[in-house]
Amino acid sequence: MKKKLILLFLLLSGLCASAQESTSAYNVLRLPVSAHVAALGGESNSVPDDDAALAQHNPALLADVTPRQFGLTVASLPDGALWAGAQYVHGFGLRHTASFFAQRISYGTMFETDEYGADLGQFTPSNVIVGAGYGYALSPRWAGGANLKTVYSRLGTMSAAALVADVGLNYYNKEEGWSWSAVLRNAGAEIKHFDRRTETVPYSLQMGFSKQLAHTPLRFNVTLIDLTRWSKAYYMPTADAELSAGHLFTNHLVVGVDWMPSQQVTLSAGYNFRRGYELTAAGRGHGAGFSFGAGVRFSRLRLDLAWARYHLASSSLMGSVSYRL
């Protein structure tokens, strides 16, 4: 079983490496789903935490999530956009775990005009994601998993849809505090087009690891993203712009740290290098790339809150609540 999952992971990685996108109508898939992940820089696929939403960043993490857990997440985005999601995790025996999830983002009311500027009314663009995941404990330390998602996008009278999948592996050594992951996110294709125009999906091949330092309340997280995209042209707006090797590498790097002063409280901070570069280049250097958050756990209830900046206009707040039934 372990060999089959690894072979499937490598096959999908190779298929996706042959096609790249610079923009996509489905960039909603890039947004963090967990407030804890949002606080760690927006990308983390290895943090060993009992959080139902983490499985949407790496389905292999389902193996460490307590079954019968229900979660809700809400985020405020720039220009009045609102993101909301829900997920439920259910266990089947000792090795099998499944999740069911849905998300919706509404971009607020917009005005529609024709090519002459005449007012044609108002509309509300939106994206909807519905999916299911499966995690399997391959051994006491190894786990694998997969998610299957349908993404629906509406823009006025036009609509589009895509079918995407995530495949992930995770190794977790609880005694040593090590967690290592490899995941292919959002591999798929469009199945319904906007006005005969084909859109790509923002797939990402990622690796990450987390390490809790012995005898300390600190846990460090390092995530490498978009490992099939090393062309300088992908990250720079003009072909003649210079980009150093170090700058190119850190475009793939997201780092974060958790401080856990007790078993009930977690304080988190992260830095997303690419987001910092892009916002600084666009004229917003203050706080660019940084994110912060906090989490509180009770016997059955968990609350998380995160702050981050994704846009020049304003910052974003994301809150998550999960309850074990």
Foldseek 3Di string as FASTA:
>chain_A
DVVVLVVVQVVLVVVPLVDADLDFPACVLQAQQDQQCVQQLRAFQWDQDQDQSSCQNFVQSLLRHDAQKKKKKWKADPPGKIKIKIKHKHDDPNFKIKMWMKMKIKNDKDWDADPVRHTPGIDIKMKMKTKMKMKGDPDPFKIKMKMWMKMKIDDPPWIWIWIFMKIKMWGDDPVQQKIKMWMKGGRTATDGDTVPDGGGTHIKTKIKMKGDDPPFQKIKIKMFIRVSDQDPVSLDVDPPDDDDPVRSRLQRIKIKMWGDPDPFKIKMKIFRSSQQVVCVVVPDNVQGRIKIKMKGDDPFKIKIKMWHDNDPRDIMIMIMMMGRD
